[in-house]
Amino acid sequence: RNLSKGNKIKIGVVQALMHRPELLMLDEPTFGLDPLMQ
């Protein structure tokens, strides 16, 4: 609840990657991130 929108998106990115899946399906994975994080 104390995180910015960008940091919440980062949690989403981590959960998608963290189990090293065979397939990544990402809907707008960098939307809301600053350019360096993109």
PDB file of all heavy atoms in Angstrom:
ATOM      1  N   ARG A   1       0.823  -1.215   0.000  1.00  0.00           N
ATOM      2  CA  ARG A   1       0.000   0.000   0.000  1.00  0.00           C
ATOM      3  C   ARG A   1       0.858   1.267   0.000  1.00  0.00           C
ATOM      4  O   ARG A   1       0.378   2.347  -0.361  1.00  0.00           O
ATOM      5  CB  ARG A   1      -0.932   0.003   1.209  1.00  0.00           C
ATOM      6  CG  ARG A   1      -0.260   0.043   2.556  1.00  0.00           C
ATOM      7  CD  ARG A   1      -1.267   0.143   3.691  1.00  0.00           C
ATOM      8  NE  ARG A   1      -0.625   0.049   5.000  1.00  0.00           N
ATOM      9  CZ  ARG A   1      -0.399  -1.089   5.636  1.00  0.00           C
ATOM     10  NH1 ARG A   1      -0.808  -2.240   5.077  1.00  0.00           N
ATOM     11  NH2 ARG A   1       0.201  -1.102   6.814  1.00  0.00           N
ATOM     12  N   ASN A   2       2.125   1.152   0.424  1.00  0.00           N
ATOM     13  CA  ASN A   2       3.016   2.312   0.465  1.00  0.00           C
ATOM     14  C   ASN A   2       3.893   2.438  -0.774  1.00  0.00           C
ATOM     15  O   ASN A   2       4.739   3.335  -0.839  1.00  0.00           O
ATOM     16  CB  ASN A   2       3.912   2.245   1.708  1.00  0.00           C
ATOM     17  CG  ASN A   2       3.123   2.357   2.996  1.00  0.00           C
ATOM     18  OD1 ASN A   2       2.003   2.865   3.002  1.00  0.00           O
ATOM     19  ND2 ASN A   2       3.687   1.879   4.095  1.00  0.00           N
ATOM     20  N   LEU A   3       3.714   1.547  -1.722  1.00  0.00           N
ATOM     21  CA  LEU A   3       4.549   1.564  -2.922  1.00  0.00           C
ATOM     22  C   LEU A   3       3.935   2.445  -4.004  1.00  0.00           C
ATOM     23  O   LEU A   3       2.717   2.567  -4.118  1.00  0.00           O
ATOM     24  CB  LEU A   3       4.719   0.144  -3.473  1.00  0.00           C
ATOM     25  CG  LEU A   3       5.467  -0.857  -2.589  1.00  0.00           C
ATOM     26  CD1 LEU A   3       5.542  -2.204  -3.292  1.00  0.00           C
ATOM     27  CD2 LEU A   3       6.859  -0.363  -2.229  1.00  0.00           C
ATOM     28  N   SER A   4       4.801   3.029  -4.815  1.00  0.00           N
ATOM     29  CA  SER A   4       4.352   3.783  -5.983  1.00  0.00           C
ATOM     30  C   SER A   4       3.828   2.818  -7.037  1.00  0.00           C
ATOM     31  O   SER A   4       4.052   1.596  -6.962  1.00  0.00           O
ATOM     32  CB  SER A   4       5.509   4.596  -6.560  1.00  0.00           C
ATOM     33  OG  SER A   4       6.507   3.714  -7.077  1.00  0.00           O
ATOM     34  N   LYS A   5       3.161   3.371  -8.033  1.00  0.00           N
ATOM     35  CA  LYS A   5       2.660   2.538  -9.131  1.00  0.00           C
ATOM     36  C   LYS A   5       3.793   1.805  -9.826  1.00  0.00           C
ATOM     37  O   LYS A   5       3.678   0.616 -10.151  1.00  0.00           O
ATOM     38  CB  LYS A   5       1.895   3.396 -10.143  1.00  0.00           C
ATOM     39  CG  LYS A   5       1.345   2.602 -11.314  1.00  0.00           C
ATOM     40  CD  LYS A   5       0.578   3.492 -12.285  1.00  0.00           C
ATOM     41  CE  LYS A   5       0.062   2.668 -13.471  1.00  0.00           C
ATOM     42  NZ  LYS A   5      -0.685   3.516 -14.437  1.00  0.00           N
ATOM     43  N   GLY A   6       4.908   2.498 -10.025  1.00  0.00           N
ATOM     44  CA  GLY A   6       6.046   1.869 -10.690  1.00  0.00           C
ATOM     45  C   GLY A   6       6.590   0.687  -9.915  1.00  0.00           C
ATOM     46  O   GLY A   6       6.934  -0.346 -10.499  1.00  0.00           O
ATOM     47  N   ASN A   7       6.670   0.818  -8.587  1.00  0.00           N
ATOM     48  CA  ASN A   7       7.184  -0.288  -7.773  1.00  0.00           C
ATOM     49  C   ASN A   7       6.209  -1.456  -7.729  1.00  0.00           C
ATOM     50  O   ASN A   7       6.616  -2.618  -7.616  1.00  0.00           O
ATOM     51  CB  ASN A   7       7.502   0.203  -6.365  1.00  0.00           C
ATOM     52  CG  ASN A   7       8.839   0.924  -6.299  1.00  0.00           C
ATOM     53  OD1 ASN A   7       9.821   0.486  -6.895  1.00  0.00           O
ATOM     54  ND2 ASN A   7       8.877   2.034  -5.596  1.00  0.00           N
ATOM     55  N   LYS A   8       4.922  -1.176  -7.806  1.00  0.00           N
ATOM     56  CA  LYS A   8       3.945  -2.266  -7.893  1.00  0.00           C
ATOM     57  C   LYS A   8       4.106  -3.036  -9.205  1.00  0.00           C
ATOM     58  O   LYS A   8       3.985  -4.258  -9.240  1.00  0.00           O
ATOM     59  CB  LYS A   8       2.528  -1.709  -7.765  1.00  0.00           C
ATOM     60  CG  LYS A   8       2.206  -1.172  -6.373  1.00  0.00           C
ATOM     61  CD  LYS A   8       0.809  -0.560  -6.328  1.00  0.00           C
ATOM     62  CE  LYS A   8       0.511   0.017  -4.946  1.00  0.00           C
ATOM     63  NZ  LYS A   8      -0.827   0.658  -4.881  1.00  0.00           N
ATOM     64  N   ILE A   9       4.408  -2.296 -10.273  1.00  0.00           N
ATOM     65  CA  ILE A   9       4.658  -2.957 -11.554  1.00  0.00           C
ATOM     66  C   ILE A   9       5.899  -3.842 -11.458  1.00  0.00           C
ATOM     67  O   ILE A   9       5.937  -4.950 -12.001  1.00  0.00           O
ATOM     68  CB  ILE A   9       4.817  -1.908 -12.667  1.00  0.00           C
ATOM     69  CG1 ILE A   9       3.488  -1.190 -12.905  1.00  0.00           C
ATOM     70  CG2 ILE A   9       5.305  -2.550 -13.964  1.00  0.00           C
ATOM     71  CD1 ILE A   9       3.589   0.020 -13.802  1.00  0.00           C
ATOM     72  N   LYS A  10       6.906  -3.379 -10.722  1.00  0.00           N
ATOM     73  CA  LYS A  10       8.125  -4.175 -10.560  1.00  0.00           C
ATOM     74  C   LYS A  10       7.826  -5.504  -9.864  1.00  0.00           C
ATOM     75  O   LYS A  10       8.402  -6.536 -10.206  1.00  0.00           O
ATOM     76  CB  LYS A  10       9.163  -3.390  -9.763  1.00  0.00           C
ATOM     77  CG  LYS A  10       9.718  -2.175 -10.481  1.00  0.00           C
ATOM     78  CD  LYS A  10      10.661  -1.410  -9.569  1.00  0.00           C
ATOM     79  CE  LYS A  10      11.101  -0.089 -10.172  1.00  0.00           C
ATOM     80  NZ  LYS A  10      11.986   0.671  -9.254  1.00  0.00           N
ATOM     81  N   ILE A  11       6.919  -5.484  -8.877  1.00  0.00           N
ATOM     82  CA  ILE A  11       6.522  -6.739  -8.233  1.00  0.00           C
ATOM     83  C   ILE A  11       5.918  -7.683  -9.270  1.00  0.00           C
ATOM     84  O   ILE A  11       6.188  -8.884  -9.278  1.00  0.00           O
ATOM     85  CB  ILE A  11       5.524  -6.471  -7.084  1.00  0.00           C
ATOM     86  CG1 ILE A  11       6.215  -5.754  -5.932  1.00  0.00           C
ATOM     87  CG2 ILE A  11       4.906  -7.778  -6.591  1.00  0.00           C
ATOM     88  CD1 ILE A  11       5.295  -5.392  -4.782  1.00  0.00           C
ATOM     89  N   GLY A  12       5.106  -7.130 -10.160  1.00  0.00           N
ATOM     90  CA  GLY A  12       4.529  -7.945 -11.220  1.00  0.00           C
ATOM     91  C   GLY A  12       5.583  -8.536 -12.131  1.00  0.00           C
ATOM     92  O   GLY A  12       5.492  -9.703 -12.547  1.00  0.00           O
ATOM     93  N   VAL A  13       6.601  -7.751 -12.465  1.00  0.00           N
ATOM     94  CA  VAL A  13       7.693  -8.251 -13.317  1.00  0.00           C
ATOM     95  C   VAL A  13       8.447  -9.369 -12.604  1.00  0.00           C
ATOM     96  O   VAL A  13       8.749 -10.414 -13.198  1.00  0.00           O
ATOM     97  CB  VAL A  13       8.646  -7.097 -13.694  1.00  0.00           C
ATOM     98  CG1 VAL A  13       9.879  -7.637 -14.423  1.00  0.00           C
ATOM     99  CG2 VAL A  13       7.929  -6.069 -14.560  1.00  0.00           C
ATOM    100  N   VAL A  14       8.743  -9.174 -11.316  1.00  0.00           N
ATOM    101  CA  VAL A  14       9.474 -10.193 -10.560  1.00  0.00           C
ATOM    102  C   VAL A  14       8.687 -11.492 -10.500  1.00  0.00           C
ATOM    103  O   VAL A  14       9.240 -12.581 -10.719  1.00  0.00           O
ATOM    104  CB  VAL A  14       9.800  -9.678  -9.140  1.00  0.00           C
ATOM    105  CG1 VAL A  14      10.380 -10.813  -8.289  1.00  0.00           C
ATOM    106  CG2 VAL A  14      10.786  -8.522  -9.204  1.00  0.00           C
ATOM    107  N   GLN A  15       7.374 -11.401 -10.195  1.00  0.00           N
ATOM    108  CA  GLN A  15       6.593 -12.638 -10.088  1.00  0.00           C
ATOM    109  C   GLN A  15       6.501 -13.383 -11.408  1.00  0.00           C
ATOM    110  O   GLN A  15       6.371 -14.607 -11.424  1.00  0.00           O
ATOM    111  CB  GLN A  15       5.203 -12.344  -9.516  1.00  0.00           C
ATOM    112  CG  GLN A  15       4.272 -11.514 -10.378  1.00  0.00           C
ATOM    113  CD  GLN A  15       3.570 -12.295 -11.474  1.00  0.00           C
ATOM    114  OE1 GLN A  15       3.320 -13.493 -11.317  1.00  0.00           O
ATOM    115  NE2 GLN A  15       3.284 -11.629 -12.582  1.00  0.00           N
ATOM    116  N   ALA A  16       6.558 -12.665 -12.521  1.00  0.00           N
ATOM    117  CA  ALA A  16       6.514 -13.339 -13.822  1.00  0.00           C
ATOM    118  C   ALA A  16       7.818 -14.066 -14.122  1.00  0.00           C
ATOM    119  O   ALA A  16       7.825 -15.130 -14.746  1.00  0.00           O
ATOM    120  CB  ALA A  16       6.219 -12.315 -14.920  1.00  0.00           C
ATOM    121  N   LEU A  17       8.937 -13.507 -13.656  1.00  0.00           N
ATOM    122  CA  LEU A  17      10.253 -14.049 -13.992  1.00  0.00           C
ATOM    123  C   LEU A  17      10.790 -15.034 -12.956  1.00  0.00           C
ATOM    124  O   LEU A  17      11.669 -15.841 -13.263  1.00  0.00           O
ATOM    125  CB  LEU A  17      11.253 -12.904 -14.128  1.00  0.00           C
ATOM    126  CG  LEU A  17      11.104 -11.973 -15.334  1.00  0.00           C
ATOM    127  CD1 LEU A  17      11.918 -10.701 -15.115  1.00  0.00           C
ATOM    128  CD2 LEU A  17      11.570 -12.675 -16.606  1.00  0.00           C
ATOM    129  N   MET A  18      10.288 -14.980 -11.715  1.00  0.00           N
ATOM    130  CA  MET A  18      11.013 -15.578 -10.595  1.00  0.00           C
ATOM    131  C   MET A  18      11.131 -17.097 -10.654  1.00  0.00           C
ATOM    132  O   MET A  18      12.062 -17.663 -10.077  1.00  0.00           O
ATOM    133  CB  MET A  18      10.384 -15.146  -9.270  1.00  0.00           C
ATOM    134  CG  MET A  18       8.991 -15.659  -8.997  1.00  0.00           C
ATOM    135  SD  MET A  18       8.403 -15.008  -7.396  1.00  0.00           S
ATOM    136  CE  MET A  18       6.826 -15.851  -7.268  1.00  0.00           C
ATOM    137  N   HIS A  19      10.232 -17.788 -11.356  1.00  0.00           N
ATOM    138  CA  HIS A  19      10.340 -19.245 -11.437  1.00  0.00           C
ATOM    139  C   HIS A  19      10.977 -19.713 -12.744  1.00  0.00           C
ATOM    140  O   HIS A  19      10.917 -20.887 -13.083  1.00  0.00           O
ATOM    141  CB  HIS A  19       8.964 -19.895 -11.254  1.00  0.00           C
ATOM    142  CG  HIS A  19       7.928 -19.467 -12.254  1.00  0.00           C
ATOM    143  ND1 HIS A  19       7.543 -18.167 -12.423  1.00  0.00           N
ATOM    144  CD2 HIS A  19       7.182 -20.195 -13.139  1.00  0.00           C
ATOM    145  CE1 HIS A  19       6.619 -18.101 -13.367  1.00  0.00           C
ATOM    146  NE2 HIS A  19       6.385 -19.310 -13.814  1.00  0.00           N
ATOM    147  N   ARG A  20      11.634 -18.754 -13.440  1.00  0.00           N
ATOM    148  CA  ARG A  20      12.338 -19.045 -14.705  1.00  0.00           C
ATOM    149  C   ARG A  20      11.458 -19.877 -15.652  1.00  0.00           C
ATOM    150  O   ARG A  20      11.805 -20.996 -16.044  1.00  0.00           O
ATOM    151  CB  ARG A  20      13.646 -19.773 -14.432  1.00  0.00           C
ATOM    152  CG  ARG A  20      14.716 -18.912 -13.753  1.00  0.00           C
ATOM    153  CD  ARG A  20      16.043 -19.660 -13.701  1.00  0.00           C
ATOM    154  NE  ARG A  20      17.144 -18.816 -13.324  1.00  0.00           N
ATOM    155  CZ  ARG A  20      17.625 -18.684 -12.081  1.00  0.00           C
ATOM    156  NH1 ARG A  20      17.050 -19.366 -11.095  1.00  0.00           N
ATOM    157  NH2 ARG A  20      18.656 -17.912 -11.830  1.00  0.00           N
ATOM    158  N   PRO A  21      10.319 -19.319 -16.066  1.00  0.00           N
ATOM    159  CA  PRO A  21       9.378 -20.092 -16.880  1.00  0.00           C
ATOM    160  C   PRO A  21       9.886 -20.304 -18.303  1.00  0.00           C
ATOM    161  O   PRO A  21      10.763 -19.581 -18.789  1.00  0.00           O
ATOM    162  CB  PRO A  21       8.128 -19.205 -16.881  1.00  0.00           C
ATOM    163  CG  PRO A  21       8.670 -17.819 -16.736  1.00  0.00           C
ATOM    164  CD  PRO A  21       9.847 -17.949 -15.820  1.00  0.00           C
ATOM    165  N   GLU A  22       9.299 -21.288 -18.971  1.00  0.00           N
ATOM    166  CA  GLU A  22       9.627 -21.549 -20.376  1.00  0.00           C
ATOM    167  C   GLU A  22       9.072 -20.458 -21.291  1.00  0.00           C
ATOM    168  O   GLU A  22       9.619 -20.192 -22.362  1.00  0.00           O
ATOM    169  CB  GLU A  22       9.041 -22.889 -20.814  1.00  0.00           C
ATOM    170  CG  GLU A  22       9.606 -24.099 -20.113  1.00  0.00           C
ATOM    171  CD  GLU A  22       8.857 -25.347 -20.525  1.00  0.00           C
ATOM    172  OE1 GLU A  22       8.764 -25.621 -21.737  1.00  0.00           O
ATOM    173  OE2 GLU A  22       8.342 -26.058 -19.626  1.00  0.00           O
ATOM    174  N   LEU A  23       7.960 -19.853 -20.873  1.00  0.00           N
ATOM    175  CA  LEU A  23       7.280 -18.857 -21.687  1.00  0.00           C
ATOM    176  C   LEU A  23       6.919 -17.659 -20.827  1.00  0.00           C
ATOM    177  O   LEU A  23       6.378 -17.819 -19.737  1.00  0.00           O
ATOM    178  CB  LEU A  23       6.001 -19.445 -22.305  1.00  0.00           C
ATOM    179  CG  LEU A  23       5.063 -18.483 -23.041  1.00  0.00           C
ATOM    180  CD1 LEU A  23       5.726 -17.909 -24.294  1.00  0.00           C
ATOM    181  CD2 LEU A  23       3.758 -19.193 -23.407  1.00  0.00           C
ATOM    182  N   LEU A  24       7.234 -16.473 -21.319  1.00  0.00           N
ATOM    183  CA  LEU A  24       6.814 -15.235 -20.669  1.00  0.00           C
ATOM    184  C   LEU A  24       5.749 -14.583 -21.530  1.00  0.00           C
ATOM    185  O   LEU A  24       5.958 -14.357 -22.726  1.00  0.00           O
ATOM    186  CB  LEU A  24       8.005 -14.286 -20.498  1.00  0.00           C
ATOM    187  CG  LEU A  24       9.004 -14.660 -19.409  1.00  0.00           C
ATOM    188  CD1 LEU A  24      10.304 -13.879 -19.590  1.00  0.00           C
ATOM    189  CD2 LEU A  24       8.411 -14.405 -18.027  1.00  0.00           C
ATOM    190  N   MET A  25       4.605 -14.284 -20.930  1.00  0.00           N
ATOM    191  CA  MET A  25       3.532 -13.578 -21.619  1.00  0.00           C
ATOM    192  C   MET A  25       3.255 -12.304 -20.825  1.00  0.00           C
ATOM    193  O   MET A  25       2.712 -12.355 -19.713  1.00  0.00           O
ATOM    194  CB  MET A  25       2.276 -14.448 -21.724  1.00  0.00           C
ATOM    195  CG  MET A  25       2.515 -15.716 -22.517  1.00  0.00           C
ATOM    196  SD  MET A  25       0.999 -16.631 -22.881  1.00  0.00           S
ATOM    197  CE  MET A  25       0.250 -15.542 -24.068  1.00  0.00           C
ATOM    198  N   LEU A  26       3.649 -11.187 -21.395  1.00  0.00           N
ATOM    199  CA  LEU A  26       3.681  -9.926 -20.665  1.00  0.00           C
ATOM    200  C   LEU A  26       2.842  -8.885 -21.388  1.00  0.00           C
ATOM    201  O   LEU A  26       3.063  -8.601 -22.563  1.00  0.00           O
ATOM    202  CB  LEU A  26       5.131  -9.437 -20.539  1.00  0.00           C
ATOM    203  CG  LEU A  26       6.146 -10.495 -20.073  1.00  0.00           C
ATOM    204  CD1 LEU A  26       7.559  -9.946 -20.168  1.00  0.00           C
ATOM    205  CD2 LEU A  26       5.840 -10.946 -18.653  1.00  0.00           C
ATOM    206  N   ASP A  27       1.911  -8.312 -20.649  1.00  0.00           N
ATOM    207  CA  ASP A  27       1.020  -7.291 -21.209  1.00  0.00           C
ATOM    208  C   ASP A  27       1.531  -5.922 -20.737  1.00  0.00           C
ATOM    209  O   ASP A  27       1.360  -5.551 -19.583  1.00  0.00           O
ATOM    210  CB  ASP A  27      -0.412  -7.540 -20.720  1.00  0.00           C
ATOM    211  CG  ASP A  27      -1.457  -6.818 -21.558  1.00  0.00           C
ATOM    212  OD1 ASP A  27      -1.069  -6.000 -22.418  1.00  0.00           O
ATOM    213  OD2 ASP A  27      -2.661  -7.069 -21.352  1.00  0.00           O
ATOM    214  N   GLU A  28       2.175  -5.191 -21.631  1.00  0.00           N
ATOM    215  CA  GLU A  28       2.741  -3.866 -21.323  1.00  0.00           C
ATOM    216  C   GLU A  28       3.698  -3.933 -20.131  1.00  0.00           C
ATOM    217  O   GLU A  28       3.486  -3.289 -19.092  1.00  0.00           O
ATOM    218  CB  GLU A  28       1.616  -2.860 -21.033  1.00  0.00           C
ATOM    219  CG  GLU A  28       0.601  -2.715 -22.144  1.00  0.00           C
ATOM    220  CD  GLU A  28       1.112  -1.822 -23.280  1.00  0.00           C
ATOM    221  OE1 GLU A  28       2.184  -1.199 -23.130  1.00  0.00           O
ATOM    222  OE2 GLU A  28       0.424  -1.743 -24.315  1.00  0.00           O
ATOM    223  N   PRO A  29       4.816  -4.688 -20.235  1.00  0.00           N
ATOM    224  CA  PRO A  29       5.670  -4.921 -19.061  1.00  0.00           C
ATOM    225  C   PRO A  29       6.420  -3.696 -18.549  1.00  0.00           C
ATOM    226  O   PRO A  29       6.856  -3.690 -17.394  1.00  0.00           O
ATOM    227  CB  PRO A  29       6.659  -5.982 -19.553  1.00  0.00           C
ATOM    228  CG  PRO A  29       6.686  -5.811 -21.038  1.00  0.00           C
ATOM    229  CD  PRO A  29       5.290  -5.421 -21.417  1.00  0.00           C
ATOM    230  N   THR A  30       6.600  -2.658 -19.362  1.00  0.00           N
ATOM    231  CA  THR A  30       7.355  -1.491 -18.899  1.00  0.00           C
ATOM    232  C   THR A  30       6.471  -0.268 -18.686  1.00  0.00           C
ATOM    233  O   THR A  30       6.975   0.808 -18.359  1.00  0.00           O
ATOM    234  CB  THR A  30       8.459  -1.123 -19.907  1.00  0.00           C
ATOM    235  OG1 THR A  30       7.862  -0.709 -21.144  1.00  0.00           O
ATOM    236  CG2 THR A  30       9.384  -2.293 -20.157  1.00  0.00           C
ATOM    237  N   PHE A  31       5.173  -0.423 -18.861  1.00  0.00           N
ATOM    238  CA  PHE A  31       4.273   0.719 -18.720  1.00  0.00           C
ATOM    239  C   PHE A  31       4.294   1.243 -17.279  1.00  0.00           C
ATOM    240  O   PHE A  31       4.112   0.491 -16.322  1.00  0.00           O
ATOM    241  CB  PHE A  31       2.846   0.317 -19.093  1.00  0.00           C
ATOM    242  CG  PHE A  31       1.859   1.454 -19.035  1.00  0.00           C
ATOM    243  CD1 PHE A  31       1.867   2.446 -19.988  1.00  0.00           C
ATOM    244  CD2 PHE A  31       0.941   1.540 -17.998  1.00  0.00           C
ATOM    245  CE1 PHE A  31       0.966   3.499 -19.940  1.00  0.00           C
ATOM    246  CE2 PHE A  31       0.038   2.585 -17.929  1.00  0.00           C
ATOM    247  CZ  PHE A  31       0.056   3.567 -18.908  1.00  0.00           C
ATOM    248  N   GLY A  32       4.553   2.531 -17.110  1.00  0.00           N
ATOM    249  CA  GLY A  32       4.589   3.132 -15.784  1.00  0.00           C
ATOM    250  C   GLY A  32       5.950   3.150 -15.139  1.00  0.00           C
ATOM    251  O   GLY A  32       6.102   3.670 -14.028  1.00  0.00           O
ATOM    252  N   LEU A  33       6.969   2.587 -15.808  1.00  0.00           N
ATOM    253  CA  LEU A  33       8.324   2.592 -15.269  1.00  0.00           C
ATOM    254  C   LEU A  33       9.115   3.762 -15.837  1.00  0.00           C
ATOM    255  O   LEU A  33       8.862   4.207 -16.961  1.00  0.00           O
ATOM    256  CB  LEU A  33       9.045   1.283 -15.607  1.00  0.00           C
ATOM    257  CG  LEU A  33       8.428  -0.005 -15.053  1.00  0.00           C
ATOM    258  CD1 LEU A  33       9.239  -1.206 -15.521  1.00  0.00           C
ATOM    259  CD2 LEU A  33       8.339   0.030 -13.534  1.00  0.00           C
ATOM    260  N   ASP A  34      10.104   4.222 -15.078  1.00  0.00           N
ATOM    261  CA  ASP A  34      10.946   5.286 -15.615  1.00  0.00           C
ATOM    262  C   ASP A  34      11.895   4.696 -16.656  1.00  0.00           C
ATOM    263  O   ASP A  34      12.073   3.472 -16.731  1.00  0.00           O
ATOM    264  CB  ASP A  34      11.714   5.994 -14.488  1.00  0.00           C
ATOM    265  CG  ASP A  34      12.728   5.092 -13.797  1.00  0.00           C
ATOM    266  OD1 ASP A  34      13.596   4.516 -14.483  1.00  0.00           O
ATOM    267  OD2 ASP A  34      12.663   4.958 -12.575  1.00  0.00           O
ATOM    268  N   PRO A  35      12.513   5.532 -17.498  1.00  0.00           N
ATOM    269  CA  PRO A  35      13.329   5.019 -18.617  1.00  0.00           C
ATOM    270  C   PRO A  35      14.435   4.061 -18.201  1.00  0.00           C
ATOM    271  O   PRO A  35      14.695   3.076 -18.896  1.00  0.00           O
ATOM    272  CB  PRO A  35      13.895   6.294 -19.242  1.00  0.00           C
ATOM    273  CG  PRO A  35      12.876   7.345 -18.937  1.00  0.00           C
ATOM    274  CD  PRO A  35      12.355   7.002 -17.567  1.00  0.00           C
ATOM    275  N   LEU A  36      15.104   4.308 -17.071  1.00  0.00           N
ATOM    276  CA  LEU A  36      16.179   3.416 -16.639  1.00  0.00           C
ATOM    277  C   LEU A  36      15.635   2.037 -16.285  1.00  0.00           C
ATOM    278  O   LEU A  36      16.235   1.012 -16.635  1.00  0.00           O
ATOM    279  CB  LEU A  36      16.919   4.015 -15.444  1.00  0.00           C
ATOM    280  CG  LEU A  36      17.780   5.249 -15.737  1.00  0.00           C
ATOM    281  CD1 LEU A  36      18.392   5.776 -14.445  1.00  0.00           C
ATOM    282  CD2 LEU A  36      18.866   4.932 -16.759  1.00  0.00           C
ATOM    283  N   MET A  37      14.501   1.996 -15.609  1.00  0.00           N
ATOM    284  CA  MET A  37      13.906   0.716 -15.253  1.00  0.00           C
ATOM    285  C   MET A  37      13.330   0.003 -16.479  1.00  0.00           C
ATOM    286  O   MET A  37      13.337  -1.225 -16.556  1.00  0.00           O
ATOM    287  CB  MET A  37      12.821   0.912 -14.195  1.00  0.00           C
ATOM    288  CG  MET A  37      13.364   1.195 -12.803  1.00  0.00           C
ATOM    289  SD  MET A  37      14.369  -0.165 -12.136  1.00  0.00           S
ATOM    290  CE  MET A  37      16.033   0.501 -12.342  1.00  0.00           C
ATOM    291  N   GLN A  38      12.827   0.768 -17.437  1.00  0.00           N
ATOM    292  CA  GLN A  38      12.373   0.162 -18.686  1.00  0.00           C
ATOM    293  C   GLN A  38      13.516  -0.609 -19.341  1.00  0.00           C
ATOM    294  O   GLN A  38      13.350  -1.747 -19.784  1.00  0.00           O
ATOM    295  CB  GLN A  38      11.842   1.234 -19.635  1.00  0.00           C
ATOM    296  CG  GLN A  38      10.519   1.846 -19.223  1.00  0.00           C
ATOM    297  CD  GLN A  38      10.069   2.942 -20.165  1.00  0.00           C
ATOM    298  OE1 GLN A  38      10.734   3.244 -21.157  1.00  0.00           O
ATOM    299  NE2 GLN A  38       8.944   3.567 -19.855  1.00  0.00           N
TER     300      GLN A  38
END
